[in-house]
Amino acid sequence: MREGEGHAALMDGVYRGQRHIYDLTRKYYLLGRDRLIDELTPQVGARVLEIGCGTGRNLIAAARCWPGARFYGIDISTEMLKSARASIARAGLSNRISVAQGDATGFDPKALFRTDGFDRIFQSYTLSMIPDWQDAMREAMRHLSPQGSLHIVDFGQQEDMPGWWRAVLLGWLARFHVEPRAMLVDAAREVANDTGGRLSVTRLYRGYAWSLRLDRRPR
């Protein structure tokens, strides 16, 4: 079994049952997602991709926030995509949101969605779950339009939180194969430098989360 196939099987196993309660439970600790959506600011006609779209929660919120854009999502878990497709249909947004199975570290927009690339790409609490997370960032940048931007929100290192809080949170996250990336900002800076882009970083909630934006070309 290839590495990508192994990760897909793992994620299907994790979320086969959890997908039914995922949105209800995760809203309490996946902080900063709506802030990211508000900051996407896609123009009318823009193509927006979420990598690791899960249940479709973020795509639905983004499509409602930015009605002039077209939205796409990929996820490695077919189980999560079952929930995403059902939720998107219930929201009446199947004409504006398309989802497909795809690996964050290597996917073909043309084959999946018949498009060459995207004006905005976002990754919300996915890099902490992807084994080759640095490759996932590079792959996202590769599929951006010349003036596009990559938006990321993910767990920080809890710098200003009590020690017991950090220990409890990391222990809880490990149960779901989630590992906050201590080198996330450094890796993003390296990706920005390699692509001639620009990185902006914001610490959220006393270090609970990081918000990153990588512009394909400096603004």
Protein backbone atom coordinates (compact mmCIF):
# COMPACT_ATOMS: atom_id res chain seq x y z
CA MET A 1 0.00 0.00 0.00
CA ARG A 2 1.38 3.41 -0.96
CA GLU A 3 1.81 6.07 1.72
CA GLY A 4 -1.09 8.17 0.43
CA GLU A 5 -3.37 5.15 0.34
CA GLY A 6 -2.36 4.25 3.89
CA HIS A 7 -3.20 7.73 5.13
CA ALA A 8 -6.55 7.62 3.33
CA ALA A 9 -7.40 4.33 5.01
CA LEU A 10 -6.38 5.73 8.40
CA MET A 11 -8.55 8.82 7.96
CA ASP A 12 -11.51 6.75 6.81
CA GLY A 13 -11.13 4.64 9.93
CA VAL A 14 -10.95 7.69 12.19
CA TYR A 15 -13.94 9.45 10.64
CA ARG A 16 -16.26 6.63 9.62
CA GLY A 17 -18.26 7.17 12.80
CA GLN A 18 -17.03 10.58 13.87
CA ARG A 19 -18.16 12.35 10.71
CA HIS A 20 -21.71 12.31 12.05
CA ILE A 21 -20.78 14.42 15.11
CA TYR A 22 -17.67 16.16 13.76
CA ASP A 23 -19.07 19.66 13.29
CA LEU A 24 -20.87 19.63 16.63
CA THR A 25 -17.73 18.77 18.59
CA ARG A 26 -15.02 20.59 16.64
CA LYS A 27 -16.60 24.03 16.80
CA TYR A 28 -15.32 24.36 20.37
CA TYR A 29 -11.63 24.04 19.55
CA LEU A 30 -11.05 24.62 15.82
CA LEU A 31 -10.83 28.35 16.41
CA GLY A 32 -10.18 30.94 13.74
CA ARG A 33 -11.95 29.18 10.86
CA ASP A 34 -14.55 31.88 10.32
CA ARG A 35 -11.89 34.56 10.59
CA LEU A 36 -10.03 32.86 7.73
CA ILE A 37 -13.20 32.73 5.63
CA ASP A 38 -13.85 36.44 6.19
CA GLU A 39 -10.33 37.25 4.99
CA LEU A 40 -10.49 35.29 1.73
CA THR A 41 -12.04 38.26 -0.15
CA PRO A 42 -12.29 36.50 -3.54
CA GLN A 43 -13.43 38.58 -6.48
CA VAL A 44 -16.58 37.76 -8.40
CA GLY A 45 -15.88 34.74 -10.57
CA ALA A 46 -12.89 33.64 -8.48
CA ARG A 47 -12.15 29.95 -7.93
CA VAL A 48 -11.58 28.98 -4.29
CA LEU A 49 -10.27 25.59 -3.13
CA GLU A 50 -10.29 24.10 0.35
CA ILE A 51 -7.71 21.38 0.90
CA GLY A 52 -8.99 18.96 3.53
CA CYS A 53 -12.62 20.02 3.23
CA GLY A 54 -13.92 17.37 5.64
CA THR A 55 -17.67 17.63 6.18
CA GLY A 56 -18.00 20.68 3.93
CA ARG A 57 -18.70 23.01 6.85
CA ASN A 58 -16.15 25.63 5.78
CA LEU A 59 -17.06 25.46 2.09
CA ILE A 60 -20.71 26.10 2.86
CA ALA A 61 -19.86 29.03 5.14
CA ALA A 62 -17.48 30.47 2.55
CA ALA A 63 -19.96 30.10 -0.31
CA ARG A 64 -22.57 31.98 1.72
CA CYS A 65 -20.07 34.66 2.69
CA TRP A 66 -18.78 35.15 -0.87
CA PRO A 67 -21.70 34.46 -3.25
CA GLY A 68 -19.83 35.63 -6.34
CA ALA A 69 -17.14 32.93 -6.16
CA ARG A 70 -17.03 29.27 -7.17
CA PHE A 71 -15.86 26.77 -4.55
CA TYR A 72 -14.07 23.44 -4.66
CA GLY A 73 -12.88 21.00 -2.02
CA ILE A 74 -10.68 17.94 -1.78
CA ASP A 75 -10.28 15.46 1.03
CA ILE A 76 -8.38 12.20 1.27
CA SER A 77 -11.23 10.55 3.22
CA THR A 78 -14.15 9.18 1.22
CA GLU A 79 -16.07 8.90 4.48
CA MET A 80 -15.83 12.64 5.13
CA LEU A 81 -16.82 13.38 1.55
CA LYS A 82 -20.08 11.47 2.08
CA SER A 83 -20.98 14.00 4.77
CA ALA A 84 -19.71 16.92 2.67
CA ARG A 85 -21.84 16.05 -0.36
CA ALA A 86 -24.94 15.55 1.78
CA SER A 87 -24.44 18.84 3.63
CA ILE A 88 -23.77 20.79 0.44
CA ALA A 89 -26.92 19.38 -1.14
CA ARG A 90 -29.02 20.23 1.93
CA ALA A 91 -27.68 23.79 1.81
CA GLY A 92 -28.74 24.09 -1.83
CA LEU A 93 -25.19 24.85 -2.94
CA SER A 94 -24.38 21.90 -5.21
CA ASN A 95 -24.31 24.27 -8.18
CA ARG A 96 -21.52 26.36 -6.59
CA ILE A 97 -19.50 23.81 -4.61
CA SER A 98 -17.77 20.74 -6.05
CA VAL A 99 -15.82 18.21 -3.97
CA ALA A 100 -13.63 15.25 -4.88
CA GLN A 101 -11.22 12.82 -3.29
CA GLY A 102 -7.68 14.09 -3.51
CA ASP A 103 -4.32 13.93 -1.75
CA ALA A 104 -3.09 17.28 -0.46
CA THR A 105 0.48 16.41 -1.43
CA GLY A 106 -0.32 15.65 -5.07
CA PHE A 107 -3.52 16.41 -7.00
CA ASP A 108 -4.55 17.45 -10.51
CA PRO A 109 -7.14 20.27 -10.62
CA LYS A 110 -7.75 19.63 -14.30
CA ALA A 111 -8.64 15.99 -13.72
CA LEU A 112 -10.71 16.65 -10.60
CA PHE A 113 -12.52 19.87 -11.49
CA ARG A 114 -11.63 20.77 -15.08
CA THR A 115 -9.82 23.90 -13.97
CA ASP A 116 -6.17 24.92 -14.23
CA GLY A 117 -5.81 26.49 -10.79
CA PHE A 118 -7.32 28.65 -8.09
CA ASP A 119 -7.36 32.28 -6.99
CA ARG A 120 -7.62 31.35 -3.31
CA ILE A 121 -6.70 28.14 -1.51
CA PHE A 122 -7.23 27.53 2.17
CA GLN A 123 -6.20 24.84 4.66
CA SER A 124 -8.05 24.86 7.97
CA TYR A 125 -6.57 22.61 10.67
CA THR A 126 -5.37 20.13 8.06
CA LEU A 127 -1.58 20.51 8.09
CA SER A 128 -1.51 19.15 11.65
CA MET A 129 -3.02 15.93 10.28
CA ILE A 130 -1.03 15.47 7.07
CA PRO A 131 2.21 13.47 7.44
CA ASP A 132 3.93 15.31 4.56
CA TRP A 133 2.55 18.68 5.61
CA GLN A 134 5.35 20.75 4.09
CA ASP A 135 4.75 19.10 0.72
CA ALA A 136 1.07 19.94 1.13
CA MET A 137 1.90 23.64 1.43
CA ARG A 138 4.12 23.52 -1.64
CA GLU A 139 1.49 21.67 -3.63
CA ALA A 140 -1.09 24.29 -2.73
CA MET A 141 1.19 27.11 -3.87
CA ARG A 142 1.79 25.26 -7.13
CA HIS A 143 -1.89 25.46 -8.02
CA LEU A 144 -2.42 29.15 -7.27
CA SER A 145 -3.05 31.71 -9.99
CA PRO A 146 -0.29 34.35 -10.40
CA GLN A 147 -2.02 36.77 -8.02
CA GLY A 148 -3.50 34.10 -5.77
CA SER A 149 -3.05 33.52 -2.06
CA LEU A 150 -2.91 30.56 0.31
CA HIS A 151 -4.66 30.96 3.68
CA ILE A 152 -3.88 28.68 6.63
CA VAL A 153 -5.18 28.38 10.17
CA ASP A 154 -3.86 25.66 12.45
CA PHE A 155 -2.81 24.91 15.99
CA GLY A 156 -0.06 27.01 17.50
CA GLN A 157 2.27 25.96 20.29
CA GLN A 158 0.14 27.30 23.17
CA GLU A 159 3.02 29.56 24.26
CA ASP A 160 0.94 31.73 26.59
CA MET A 161 -1.25 28.95 27.92
CA PRO A 162 -0.70 27.12 31.24
CA GLY A 163 1.46 24.03 31.05
CA TRP A 164 -1.38 21.75 32.08
CA TRP A 165 -3.54 23.13 29.26
CA ARG A 166 -0.88 22.36 26.66
CA ALA A 167 -0.39 18.83 27.99
CA VAL A 168 -4.13 18.08 28.01
CA LEU A 169 -4.70 19.55 24.54
CA LEU A 170 -1.79 17.73 22.92
CA GLY A 171 -2.84 14.47 24.54
CA TRP A 172 -6.39 14.89 23.29
CA LEU A 173 -5.28 15.78 19.76
CA ALA A 174 -2.95 12.78 19.58
CA ARG A 175 -5.96 10.51 19.96
CA PHE A 176 -7.11 11.75 16.54
CA HIS A 177 -3.66 11.64 14.89
CA VAL A 178 -3.31 15.43 15.13
CA GLU A 179 0.14 16.93 15.74
CA PRO A 180 0.56 20.73 15.91
CA ARG A 181 3.54 21.70 13.74
CA ALA A 182 6.14 23.55 15.76
CA MET A 183 7.96 24.55 12.56
CA LEU A 184 4.87 25.71 10.69
CA VAL A 185 5.85 29.37 10.43
CA ASP A 186 9.46 28.60 9.49
CA ALA A 187 8.34 26.14 6.81
CA ALA A 188 5.82 28.63 5.42
CA ARG A 189 8.52 31.31 5.27
CA GLU A 190 10.75 28.94 3.32
CA VAL A 191 7.93 28.18 0.88
CA ALA A 192 7.25 31.89 0.40
CA ASN A 193 10.94 32.59 -0.26
CA ASP A 194 11.21 29.72 -2.74
CA THR A 195 8.17 30.92 -4.70
CA GLY A 196 8.98 34.62 -4.62
CA GLY A 197 5.93 35.24 -2.49
CA ARG A 198 5.15 36.97 0.75
CA LEU A 199 4.19 35.55 4.15
CA SER A 200 1.99 37.22 6.76
CA VAL A 201 1.61 35.62 10.21
CA THR A 202 -0.84 36.37 13.02
CA ARG A 203 -0.87 34.67 16.43
CA LEU A 204 -4.41 34.02 17.62
CA TYR A 205 -5.83 33.50 21.09
CA ARG A 206 -2.58 33.65 23.09
CA GLY A 207 -0.80 31.25 20.78
CA TYR A 208 -3.64 28.75 20.55
CA ALA A 209 -3.61 29.04 16.77
CA TRP A 210 -1.62 30.57 13.93
CA SER A 211 -3.13 32.36 10.96
CA LEU A 212 -0.90 32.46 7.88
CA ARG A 213 -1.28 34.01 4.46
CA LEU A 214 1.09 33.30 1.59
CA ASP A 215 0.68 35.55 -1.43
CA ARG A 216 1.90 34.13 -4.72
CA ARG A 217 3.28 37.54 -5.59
CA PRO A 218 4.03 40.34 -3.08
CA ARG A 219 1.10 42.70 -2.58
